[in-house]
Amino acid sequence: MISGPAKRSGFLLCRSGGASIEPNGLGIVTVSQQPEANNEAPEVTAEAVEQQPRPYGKRNPYAYIEQRQQRLYRRQLDGLSARQLVLEHAEREGCSVATAWRDWEVVNQWNAEDWDRDRANMLARLQTMRTKLFNAAIRKGQLQTAAQVLDSLGKVVNESGVEQQAANAPQLFISIDDRRHSSD
């Protein structure tokens, strides 16, 4: 049976049966020299186990796994390659490389879902960003940037620029038959 912890000269001591952990004169903690006491295991009751809170909920490791995957999702914008992200994720989270690759597959699925949801709004958002960029460039006197943004806006609405006119110009094809070797 475990008796309560005792404090002696800066060390936290636990007593289990006849065994005790005591500091020696050098500041090193040693186990008592009684061999029968060293082999005793502390008794743990069912009540003591039920009172200890579980770190991630009752039998729900999925919350922990999802948190780990979300941390990888946040780190993917750091500019590292997929392999670097996975290896760093395995090291930081203390999981195997295979588990880190499984987490990466989930993150890729989340990216695909995000892209599918945002695709419908992407053109409108790009147009809004181009318009804001154009206005900011004009305010700051950056006329070259403003001209490039206008070209970009024109391409989106199929404005006929120099490239469009060149593509629509008539084309002339000339072919020459070699008559030197013919029998005519």
Protein backbone atom coordinates (compact mmCIF):
# COMPACT_ATOMS: atom_id res chain seq x y z
CA MET A 1 0.00 0.00 0.00
CA ILE A 2 1.32 3.43 -0.89
CA SER A 3 1.69 5.82 1.97
CA GLY A 4 1.69 9.56 1.36
CA PRO A 5 4.72 11.31 -0.10
CA ALA A 6 7.18 12.73 2.35
CA LYS A 7 9.54 15.63 1.84
CA ARG A 8 13.08 15.32 3.14
CA SER A 9 15.95 17.70 2.35
CA GLY A 10 14.62 18.86 -1.02
CA PHE A 11 13.75 15.40 -2.39
CA LEU A 12 10.23 14.08 -2.78
CA LEU A 13 10.18 10.64 -1.20
CA CYS A 14 7.60 7.87 -1.61
CA ARG A 15 7.31 4.91 0.70
CA SER A 16 6.17 1.55 -0.61
CA GLY A 17 6.20 -1.17 2.01
CA GLY A 18 9.71 -1.23 3.41
CA ALA A 19 11.44 0.38 0.41
CA SER A 20 12.37 4.02 0.46
CA ILE A 21 14.27 6.39 -1.75
CA GLU A 22 16.67 8.52 0.21
CA PRO A 23 19.34 11.02 -0.81
CA ASN A 24 22.91 10.03 -0.06
CA GLY A 25 25.56 12.47 1.01
CA LEU A 26 26.51 13.30 -2.61
CA GLY A 27 23.02 14.52 -3.55
CA ILE A 28 22.28 11.37 -5.58
CA VAL A 29 19.05 9.51 -4.87
CA THR A 30 19.52 5.81 -4.17
CA VAL A 31 17.09 2.95 -3.56
CA SER A 32 17.33 1.20 -0.20
CA GLN A 33 19.50 -1.88 0.06
CA GLN A 34 16.63 -4.21 0.98
CA PRO A 35 16.15 -6.49 -2.07
CA GLU A 36 12.70 -7.71 -1.09
CA ALA A 37 11.50 -4.09 -0.81
CA ASN A 38 12.96 -3.14 -4.22
CA ASN A 39 10.84 -5.76 -6.02
CA GLU A 40 7.53 -4.66 -4.57
CA ALA A 41 5.13 -2.88 -6.90
CA PRO A 42 2.89 -0.17 -5.51
CA GLU A 43 -0.76 -1.13 -5.26
CA VAL A 44 -3.06 0.78 -7.56
CA THR A 45 -6.79 0.65 -6.98
CA ALA A 46 -9.55 1.14 -9.54
CA GLU A 47 -10.67 4.31 -7.78
CA ALA A 48 -7.24 5.89 -8.22
CA VAL A 49 -7.24 5.14 -11.97
CA GLU A 50 -10.73 6.57 -12.51
CA GLN A 51 -9.87 9.81 -10.73
CA GLN A 52 -6.95 10.63 -13.02
CA PRO A 53 -8.18 12.81 -15.90
CA ARG A 54 -7.27 11.64 -19.40
CA PRO A 55 -5.35 14.24 -21.36
CA TYR A 56 -7.48 14.01 -24.52
CA GLY A 57 -10.87 12.89 -23.26
CA LYS A 58 -12.26 9.47 -22.54
CA ARG A 59 -10.90 7.00 -25.07
CA ASN A 60 -10.88 9.59 -27.80
CA PRO A 61 -7.46 9.74 -29.40
CA TYR A 62 -9.04 11.18 -32.56
CA ALA A 63 -9.11 14.64 -31.00
CA TYR A 64 -5.37 14.43 -30.40
CA ILE A 65 -4.73 13.09 -33.92
CA GLU A 66 -6.79 15.89 -35.46
CA GLN A 67 -4.93 18.52 -33.44
CA ARG A 68 -1.64 17.07 -34.66
CA GLN A 69 -2.88 17.19 -38.27
CA GLN A 70 -4.07 20.77 -37.84
CA ARG A 71 -0.63 21.79 -36.63
CA LEU A 72 0.84 20.31 -39.83
CA TYR A 73 -1.83 22.13 -41.88
CA ARG A 74 -0.77 25.44 -40.34
CA ARG A 75 2.93 24.75 -40.98
CA GLN A 76 2.55 24.01 -44.69
CA LEU A 77 2.73 27.70 -45.61
CA ASP A 78 6.29 28.01 -44.29
CA GLY A 79 7.72 27.34 -47.74
CA LEU A 80 9.21 23.91 -47.02
CA SER A 81 8.90 20.94 -49.35
CA ALA A 82 6.49 18.14 -48.49
CA ARG A 83 9.28 15.81 -47.38
CA GLN A 84 10.82 18.47 -45.14
CA LEU A 85 7.42 19.22 -43.61
CA VAL A 86 6.72 15.56 -42.92
CA LEU A 87 10.12 14.84 -41.40
CA GLU A 88 9.96 17.96 -39.24
CA HIS A 89 6.38 17.07 -38.22
CA ALA A 90 7.48 13.59 -37.15
CA GLU A 91 10.31 15.05 -35.08
CA ARG A 92 8.20 17.76 -33.43
CA GLU A 93 5.21 15.56 -32.66
CA GLY A 94 7.23 12.55 -31.59
CA CYS A 95 5.51 10.22 -34.02
CA SER A 96 6.84 7.87 -36.68
CA VAL A 97 7.55 9.03 -40.21
CA ALA A 98 4.79 6.73 -41.50
CA THR A 99 2.30 8.43 -39.17
CA ALA A 100 3.55 11.83 -40.34
CA TRP A 101 2.95 10.79 -43.97
CA ARG A 102 -0.59 9.68 -43.05
CA ASP A 103 -1.13 13.11 -41.48
CA TRP A 104 0.19 14.69 -44.69
CA GLU A 105 -2.35 12.74 -46.75
CA VAL A 106 -5.15 14.12 -44.56
CA VAL A 107 -3.75 17.65 -44.97
CA ASN A 108 -3.71 17.16 -48.77
CA GLN A 109 -7.36 16.11 -48.66
CA TRP A 110 -8.16 19.24 -46.66
CA ASN A 111 -6.33 21.35 -49.25
CA ALA A 112 -8.35 19.77 -52.07
CA GLU A 113 -11.59 20.45 -50.18
CA ASP A 114 -10.54 24.06 -49.55
CA TRP A 115 -9.73 24.58 -53.22
CA ASP A 116 -13.06 23.07 -54.33
CA ARG A 117 -14.96 25.39 -51.97
CA ASP A 118 -13.01 28.51 -53.00
CA ARG A 119 -12.91 27.91 -56.74
CA ALA A 120 -16.33 29.48 -57.39
CA ASN A 121 -15.35 32.72 -55.66
CA MET A 122 -11.79 32.87 -56.95
CA LEU A 123 -12.42 34.97 -60.09
CA ALA A 124 -14.37 37.61 -58.17
CA ARG A 125 -11.73 37.73 -55.45
CA LEU A 126 -8.92 38.09 -58.01
CA GLN A 127 -10.75 40.91 -59.75
CA THR A 128 -11.25 42.71 -56.44
CA MET A 129 -7.57 42.34 -55.58
CA ARG A 130 -6.53 43.62 -59.03
CA THR A 131 -8.80 46.65 -58.68
CA LYS A 132 -7.39 47.46 -55.23
CA LEU A 133 -3.86 47.03 -56.53
CA PHE A 134 -4.57 49.34 -59.47
CA ASN A 135 -5.99 52.05 -57.20
CA ALA A 136 -3.05 51.79 -54.80
CA ALA A 137 -0.55 51.94 -57.67
CA ILE A 138 -2.16 55.08 -59.10
CA ARG A 139 -2.20 56.76 -55.66
CA LYS A 140 1.52 56.05 -55.17
CA GLY A 141 2.48 57.06 -58.70
CA GLN A 142 3.57 53.57 -59.76
CA LEU A 143 2.38 53.88 -63.33
CA GLN A 144 4.21 50.80 -64.64
CA THR A 145 2.46 48.61 -62.04
CA ALA A 146 -0.86 50.25 -62.89
CA ALA A 147 -0.33 49.52 -66.61
CA GLN A 148 0.47 45.86 -65.88
CA VAL A 149 -2.65 45.53 -63.74
CA LEU A 150 -4.75 47.09 -66.50
CA ASP A 151 -3.29 44.59 -69.00
CA SER A 152 -4.20 41.80 -66.63
CA LEU A 153 -7.75 43.12 -66.24
CA GLY A 154 -8.04 43.46 -70.02
CA LYS A 155 -6.99 39.84 -70.58
CA VAL A 156 -9.64 38.66 -68.15
CA VAL A 157 -12.43 40.46 -70.03
CA ASN A 158 -10.95 39.46 -73.44
CA GLU A 159 -10.05 42.99 -74.41
CA SER A 160 -8.45 42.92 -77.84
CA GLY A 161 -4.92 44.06 -77.32
CA VAL A 162 -1.92 43.80 -79.60
CA GLU A 163 -1.60 40.08 -78.94
CA GLN A 164 -5.28 39.48 -79.74
CA GLN A 165 -5.08 41.44 -82.98
CA ALA A 166 -1.94 39.57 -84.01
CA ALA A 167 -3.66 36.27 -83.35
CA ASN A 168 -6.64 37.30 -85.52
CA ALA A 169 -4.53 38.59 -88.45
CA PRO A 170 -4.75 36.64 -91.70
CA GLN A 171 -1.99 34.12 -92.22
CA LEU A 172 -0.30 33.32 -95.50
CA PHE A 173 1.04 29.82 -96.14
CA ILE A 174 3.38 29.21 -99.07
CA SER A 175 4.43 25.77 -100.16
CA ILE A 176 6.83 24.97 -102.99
CA ASP A 177 6.73 21.72 -104.88
CA ASP A 178 10.02 20.36 -106.07
CA ARG A 179 9.61 19.76 -109.81
CA ARG A 180 13.19 19.03 -110.65
CA HIS A 181 12.84 15.31 -110.09
CA SER A 182 9.43 14.86 -111.60
CA SER A 183 8.99 13.29 -115.08
CA ASP A 184 6.75 16.04 -116.49
